[in-house]
Amino acid sequence: MYKEVTTKYPILLVHGLFGFDRIGAVEMFHAVPEALERAGCRVHVPALSGVHDNETRGKQLIDQIERFLRRTGYLKVNLIGHSQGALTSRYAAAMRPDIVASVTSVSGPNHGSEVADRVRRALTPGQMPEAVASRLTAGFAHFLALLSGNSALPQDPIQALDALTTEGVAAFNRTYSQGLPSTWGGEGAERVNGVHYYSWSGCIDGSLLSEGRNALDPLHLALRSYARLFEKEAAFNDGLVGRFSSHLGKVIRSDYPMDHVDSINQSAGLVRKQVDPVKLYVDHAALLFSKGL
């Protein structure tokens, strides 16, 4: 059992790349919404484009926040964004701070992803490999959207890729800088324009044999291989995002023993025994409650 806590404002869980709200019984944030609701929070998972740029997804999020507020009567929401969902949430908060109480980045590439950099370098703009990869990726994204009942949402893999590179996020940050640290590896302002900013993330550490249940997870095995693509943050990353790249606002912690998908309790909770991702969300709700949010 997790602690009971009721935040003042509802919590919206914002998915990242290839994300969805729900496909049948499968949730992107596995077991997280139910735990937060049992703790006393109002929870909603918006449906956004699985692959697109930060601004397009951010505009979709603002539209959904506005509809949610009209339907429920609340004045603001707390946004918790995983991966690209953090950038999406940052855009929404920068554009509409009047309806966003807080933004929490969970494994967010707030300074870009070195894996995205490698993929971008491998796909020459305008050449055949890029076109083929784009068609395949868009097809998969449309398939997921169809299964989740959101087939009308636009998908653009190249826009998504460019939005997640170090260069792409640097351009995004020049316009939407709220909560960013002023020094590499530091913390940013906890409150900007009335919006509170927080972040947490994990790192792949130790040998595969020491990781218990994680060693059986095919997603974890893939992320361990992606971790080898890092240069700047080769020693500390979660397979897709470097530790310091994830920092935003008040940093709760950025070295939990988790890979990139462990932080949303995937695959179906097959994570290391040393960490309970679901509890991290409930504990964070308690922090938001303590801040009057």
Protein backbone atom coordinates (compact mmCIF):
# COMPACT_ATOMS: atom_id res chain seq x y z
CA MET A 1 0.00 0.00 0.00
CA TYR A 2 1.19 3.49 -0.86
CA LYS A 3 0.51 6.59 1.19
CA GLU A 4 -2.76 8.45 0.75
CA VAL A 5 -2.45 11.90 -0.81
CA THR A 6 -4.82 14.10 -2.77
CA THR A 7 -3.23 16.81 -4.89
CA LYS A 8 -5.08 20.10 -5.31
CA TYR A 9 -4.89 19.82 -9.09
CA PRO A 10 -5.31 16.69 -11.26
CA ILE A 11 -2.28 14.85 -12.58
CA LEU A 12 -1.89 14.38 -16.33
CA LEU A 13 0.58 11.67 -17.35
CA VAL A 14 2.10 12.74 -20.68
CA HIS A 15 3.58 9.98 -22.84
CA GLY A 16 6.64 10.29 -25.04
CA LEU A 17 7.82 8.84 -28.34
CA PHE A 18 5.65 5.94 -29.62
CA GLY A 19 3.45 6.47 -26.59
CA PHE A 20 -0.30 6.04 -26.20
CA ASP A 21 -2.86 6.34 -23.46
CA ARG A 22 -4.17 2.76 -23.50
CA ILE A 23 -4.40 -0.16 -25.91
CA GLY A 24 -6.92 -2.61 -24.51
CA ALA A 25 -5.65 -3.60 -21.08
CA VAL A 26 -2.14 -2.26 -21.80
CA GLU A 27 -1.25 1.12 -20.30
CA MET A 28 1.80 3.17 -21.24
CA PHE A 29 2.28 4.10 -17.59
CA HIS A 30 1.88 0.56 -16.28
CA ALA A 31 -0.11 0.48 -13.00
CA VAL A 32 0.69 4.15 -12.30
CA PRO A 33 -2.75 5.76 -12.87
CA GLU A 34 -4.47 3.20 -10.65
CA ALA A 35 -1.96 3.70 -7.83
CA LEU A 36 -2.34 7.48 -7.99
CA GLU A 37 -6.13 7.19 -8.00
CA ARG A 38 -6.07 4.83 -5.02
CA ALA A 39 -3.92 7.41 -3.25
CA GLY A 40 -6.65 9.98 -3.87
CA CYS A 41 -5.49 11.82 -6.99
CA ARG A 42 -7.51 12.65 -10.09
CA VAL A 43 -5.56 11.25 -13.07
CA HIS A 44 -5.86 11.61 -16.83
CA VAL A 45 -3.63 10.32 -19.66
CA PRO A 46 -3.87 12.53 -22.78
CA ALA A 47 -3.62 10.95 -26.23
CA LEU A 48 -0.93 12.67 -28.34
CA SER A 49 0.85 11.96 -31.60
CA GLY A 50 3.25 9.09 -31.03
CA VAL A 51 5.86 10.61 -33.35
CA HIS A 52 5.97 14.35 -34.00
CA ASP A 53 7.84 17.46 -32.92
CA ASN A 54 7.58 19.01 -29.47
CA GLU A 55 5.53 22.01 -30.53
CA THR A 56 2.90 19.98 -32.40
CA ARG A 57 2.49 17.61 -29.47
CA GLY A 58 2.51 20.58 -27.09
CA LYS A 59 -0.37 22.24 -28.94
CA GLN A 60 -2.29 18.96 -28.79
CA LEU A 61 -1.64 18.82 -25.05
CA ILE A 62 -2.87 22.38 -24.49
CA ASP A 63 -6.07 21.57 -26.38
CA GLN A 64 -6.63 18.49 -24.23
CA ILE A 65 -5.88 20.37 -21.01
CA GLU A 66 -8.43 23.02 -21.93
CA ARG A 67 -11.08 20.39 -22.71
CA PHE A 68 -10.28 18.51 -19.50
CA LEU A 69 -10.58 21.68 -17.40
CA ARG A 70 -13.90 22.63 -19.01
CA ARG A 71 -15.23 19.12 -18.37
CA THR A 72 -14.07 18.82 -14.76
CA GLY A 73 -14.16 22.37 -13.44
CA TYR A 74 -10.55 22.38 -12.23
CA LEU A 75 -8.43 25.50 -12.80
CA LYS A 76 -5.01 23.91 -13.45
CA VAL A 77 -3.24 20.58 -13.91
CA ASN A 78 0.01 18.97 -12.81
CA LEU A 79 1.91 17.58 -15.81
CA ILE A 80 4.20 14.57 -15.42
CA GLY A 81 5.90 13.88 -18.75
CA HIS A 82 7.98 10.82 -19.61
CA SER A 83 10.74 11.11 -22.20
CA GLN A 84 9.58 13.46 -25.00
CA GLY A 85 6.49 14.01 -22.86
CA ALA A 86 8.68 16.23 -20.69
CA LEU A 87 9.42 18.54 -23.65
CA THR A 88 5.75 18.46 -24.62
CA SER A 89 4.79 19.46 -21.08
CA ARG A 90 7.40 22.21 -21.00
CA TYR A 91 5.94 23.72 -24.17
CA ALA A 92 2.43 23.68 -22.70
CA ALA A 93 3.59 25.31 -19.48
CA ALA A 94 5.58 27.99 -21.31
CA MET A 95 2.64 28.87 -23.54
CA ARG A 96 -0.12 28.54 -20.93
CA PRO A 97 1.30 28.97 -17.41
CA ASP A 98 -2.18 29.99 -16.29
CA ILE A 99 -3.47 26.41 -16.62
CA VAL A 100 -0.35 24.46 -15.56
CA ALA A 101 0.56 24.18 -11.87
CA SER A 102 3.68 22.04 -12.29
CA VAL A 103 5.82 20.20 -14.81
CA THR A 104 7.71 17.07 -13.81
CA SER A 105 10.21 15.57 -16.24
CA VAL A 106 10.65 11.79 -15.91
CA SER A 107 13.65 10.61 -17.93
CA GLY A 108 13.19 13.63 -20.18
CA PRO A 109 15.81 14.57 -22.81
CA ASN A 110 15.89 18.19 -21.69
CA HIS A 111 19.21 18.71 -23.44
CA GLY A 112 18.67 16.14 -26.21
CA SER A 113 19.45 12.46 -26.69
CA GLU A 114 22.81 11.20 -27.89
CA VAL A 115 21.01 8.19 -29.39
CA ALA A 116 18.88 10.53 -31.50
CA ASP A 117 22.11 12.24 -32.60
CA ARG A 118 23.52 8.90 -33.79
CA VAL A 119 20.33 8.00 -35.66
CA ARG A 120 20.19 11.44 -37.28
CA ARG A 121 23.80 11.12 -38.49
CA ALA A 122 23.03 7.68 -39.94
CA LEU A 123 20.05 8.95 -41.93
CA THR A 124 21.14 11.49 -44.52
CA PRO A 125 18.34 14.01 -45.10
CA GLY A 126 16.55 13.43 -48.38
CA GLN A 127 18.25 10.11 -49.09
CA MET A 128 16.62 6.68 -49.48
CA PRO A 129 17.47 5.24 -46.02
CA GLU A 130 15.79 8.22 -44.35
CA ALA A 131 12.68 7.88 -46.54
CA VAL A 132 12.38 4.13 -45.88
CA ALA A 133 12.91 4.54 -42.14
CA SER A 134 10.36 7.35 -42.06
CA ARG A 135 7.70 5.26 -43.83
CA LEU A 136 8.26 2.25 -41.58
CA THR A 137 8.24 4.33 -38.42
CA ALA A 138 5.16 6.29 -39.45
CA GLY A 139 3.38 3.05 -40.28
CA PHE A 140 4.13 1.63 -36.85
CA ALA A 141 3.02 4.85 -35.14
CA HIS A 142 -0.24 4.88 -37.12
CA PHE A 143 -0.79 1.23 -36.17
CA LEU A 144 -0.42 2.03 -32.46
CA ALA A 145 -2.69 5.06 -32.84
CA LEU A 146 -5.31 2.90 -34.56
CA LEU A 147 -5.20 0.32 -31.77
CA SER A 148 -5.58 3.05 -29.13
CA GLY A 149 -8.49 4.67 -30.97
CA ASN A 150 -6.55 7.81 -31.92
CA SER A 151 -5.93 7.21 -35.63
CA ALA A 152 -6.74 10.84 -36.56
CA LEU A 153 -3.58 12.13 -34.86
CA PRO A 154 -0.80 13.17 -37.29
CA GLN A 155 2.53 11.31 -37.26
CA ASP A 156 5.89 12.61 -38.52
CA PRO A 157 8.95 10.52 -37.60
CA ILE A 158 11.56 12.88 -39.09
CA GLN A 159 10.13 15.86 -37.23
CA ALA A 160 10.20 13.75 -34.05
CA LEU A 161 13.80 12.67 -34.59
CA ASP A 162 15.02 16.20 -35.29
CA ALA A 163 13.16 17.44 -32.20
CA LEU A 164 15.05 15.00 -29.95
CA THR A 165 18.62 15.55 -31.13
CA THR A 166 21.00 17.67 -29.09
CA GLU A 167 20.81 20.36 -31.76
CA GLY A 168 17.02 20.20 -31.98
CA VAL A 169 16.49 20.43 -28.24
CA ALA A 170 19.04 23.25 -27.98
CA ALA A 171 16.91 25.24 -30.44
CA PHE A 172 13.79 24.37 -28.44
CA ASN A 173 15.51 25.46 -25.22
CA ARG A 174 16.39 28.87 -26.61
CA THR A 175 12.67 29.63 -26.77
CA TYR A 176 11.36 27.54 -23.88
CA SER A 177 14.02 27.81 -21.19
CA GLN A 178 11.85 27.70 -18.07
CA GLY A 179 13.34 25.47 -15.37
CA LEU A 180 16.58 24.69 -17.21
CA PRO A 181 19.83 24.55 -15.19
CA SER A 182 22.31 27.32 -15.86
CA THR A 183 25.23 24.88 -15.47
CA TRP A 184 25.65 21.37 -16.86
CA GLY A 185 24.56 18.84 -14.25
CA GLY A 186 23.03 21.48 -12.00
CA GLU A 187 19.47 22.34 -11.05
CA GLY A 188 17.13 24.90 -12.51
CA ALA A 189 14.67 27.22 -10.83
CA GLU A 190 11.93 25.36 -9.00
CA ARG A 191 9.30 28.00 -9.82
CA VAL A 192 9.03 30.09 -13.00
CA ASN A 193 6.00 32.18 -14.01
CA GLY A 194 3.99 30.47 -11.30
CA VAL A 195 4.79 26.96 -12.60
CA HIS A 196 6.81 24.51 -10.47
CA TYR A 197 9.47 22.38 -12.23
CA TYR A 198 10.85 19.01 -11.09
CA SER A 199 12.71 16.07 -12.59
CA TRP A 200 13.85 12.55 -11.87
CA SER A 201 15.50 9.81 -13.95
CA GLY A 202 17.64 6.70 -13.75
CA CYS A 203 20.85 5.13 -15.00
CA ILE A 204 21.75 1.66 -16.18
CA ASP A 205 24.39 0.40 -13.78
CA GLY A 206 26.11 -2.84 -12.83
CA SER A 207 26.46 -6.01 -14.84
CA LEU A 208 23.51 -7.70 -16.49
CA LEU A 209 23.80 -10.65 -14.13
CA SER A 210 23.32 -8.36 -11.12
CA GLU A 211 20.09 -6.86 -12.43
CA GLY A 212 17.74 -9.69 -11.54
CA ARG A 213 14.34 -9.41 -13.23
CA ASN A 214 15.66 -6.68 -15.55
CA ALA A 215 17.92 -9.27 -17.18
CA LEU A 216 14.80 -11.02 -18.53
CA ASP A 217 13.34 -7.87 -20.10
CA PRO A 218 14.00 -7.59 -23.88
CA LEU A 219 13.48 -3.81 -23.71
CA HIS A 220 16.18 -3.57 -21.05
CA LEU A 221 18.57 -5.62 -23.19
CA ALA A 222 17.95 -3.27 -26.11
CA LEU A 223 18.53 -0.20 -23.94
CA ARG A 224 21.79 -1.64 -22.61
CA SER A 225 22.97 -1.87 -26.22
CA TYR A 226 21.85 1.70 -26.93
CA ALA A 227 23.80 2.85 -23.87
CA ARG A 228 26.99 2.01 -25.75
CA LEU A 229 26.21 4.72 -28.31
CA PHE A 230 26.75 7.50 -25.76
CA GLU A 231 29.91 9.61 -25.80
CA LYS A 232 29.38 12.65 -23.58
CA GLU A 233 27.43 10.73 -20.93
CA ALA A 234 28.80 7.26 -21.60
CA ALA A 235 29.11 6.40 -17.91
CA PHE A 236 25.67 7.56 -16.76
CA ASN A 237 22.60 7.15 -18.95
CA ASP A 238 19.37 5.15 -19.10
CA GLY A 239 19.88 3.82 -22.61
CA LEU A 240 18.22 6.78 -24.35
CA VAL A 241 18.85 9.85 -22.15
CA GLY A 242 21.97 10.93 -20.31
CA ARG A 243 21.77 11.63 -16.58
CA PHE A 244 22.56 15.34 -16.72
CA SER A 245 20.56 15.82 -19.90
CA SER A 246 17.49 14.86 -17.87
CA HIS A 247 17.88 17.67 -15.32
CA LEU A 248 15.08 20.22 -15.06
CA GLY A 249 14.03 22.46 -12.18
CA LYS A 250 14.39 20.86 -8.76
CA VAL A 251 16.12 17.53 -9.34
CA ILE A 252 14.61 14.83 -7.13
CA ARG A 253 17.23 12.29 -8.19
CA SER A 254 18.85 11.36 -11.50
CA ASP A 255 20.57 8.06 -10.76
CA TYR A 256 17.80 5.69 -9.75
CA PRO A 257 18.67 2.09 -10.80
CA MET A 258 16.31 2.27 -13.79
CA ASP A 259 16.55 2.24 -17.56
CA HIS A 260 14.43 4.51 -19.76
CA VAL A 261 11.29 2.36 -19.71
CA ASP A 262 11.66 1.24 -16.10
CA SER A 263 10.62 4.79 -15.20
CA ILE A 264 7.13 4.04 -16.56
CA ASN A 265 7.15 0.58 -14.94
CA GLN A 266 7.60 -1.33 -18.20
CA SER A 267 7.78 -4.11 -19.33
CA ALA A 268 4.70 -4.76 -17.18
CA GLY A 269 6.66 -4.03 -14.01
CA LEU A 270 9.69 -6.16 -14.92
CA VAL A 271 12.14 -3.84 -13.15
CA ARG A 272 14.92 -4.16 -10.59
CA LYS A 273 13.92 -5.00 -7.03
CA GLN A 274 15.91 -2.01 -5.77
CA VAL A 275 13.34 0.47 -7.07
CA ASP A 276 9.55 0.75 -7.23
CA PRO A 277 8.68 3.11 -10.11
CA VAL A 278 5.01 3.28 -9.14
CA LYS A 279 5.92 4.44 -5.64
CA LEU A 280 8.04 7.22 -7.15
CA TYR A 281 4.91 8.67 -8.76
CA VAL A 282 2.88 8.42 -5.55
CA ASP A 283 5.72 9.96 -3.53
CA HIS A 284 5.91 12.76 -6.07
CA ALA A 285 2.20 13.37 -5.73
CA ALA A 286 2.84 13.78 -2.00
CA LEU A 287 5.52 16.38 -2.81
CA LEU A 288 3.10 18.25 -5.07
CA PHE A 289 0.51 18.13 -2.30
CA SER A 290 3.02 19.57 0.19
CA LYS A 291 3.60 22.47 -2.22
CA GLY A 292 -0.12 23.20 -2.40
CA LEU A 293 -0.36 21.82 -5.90
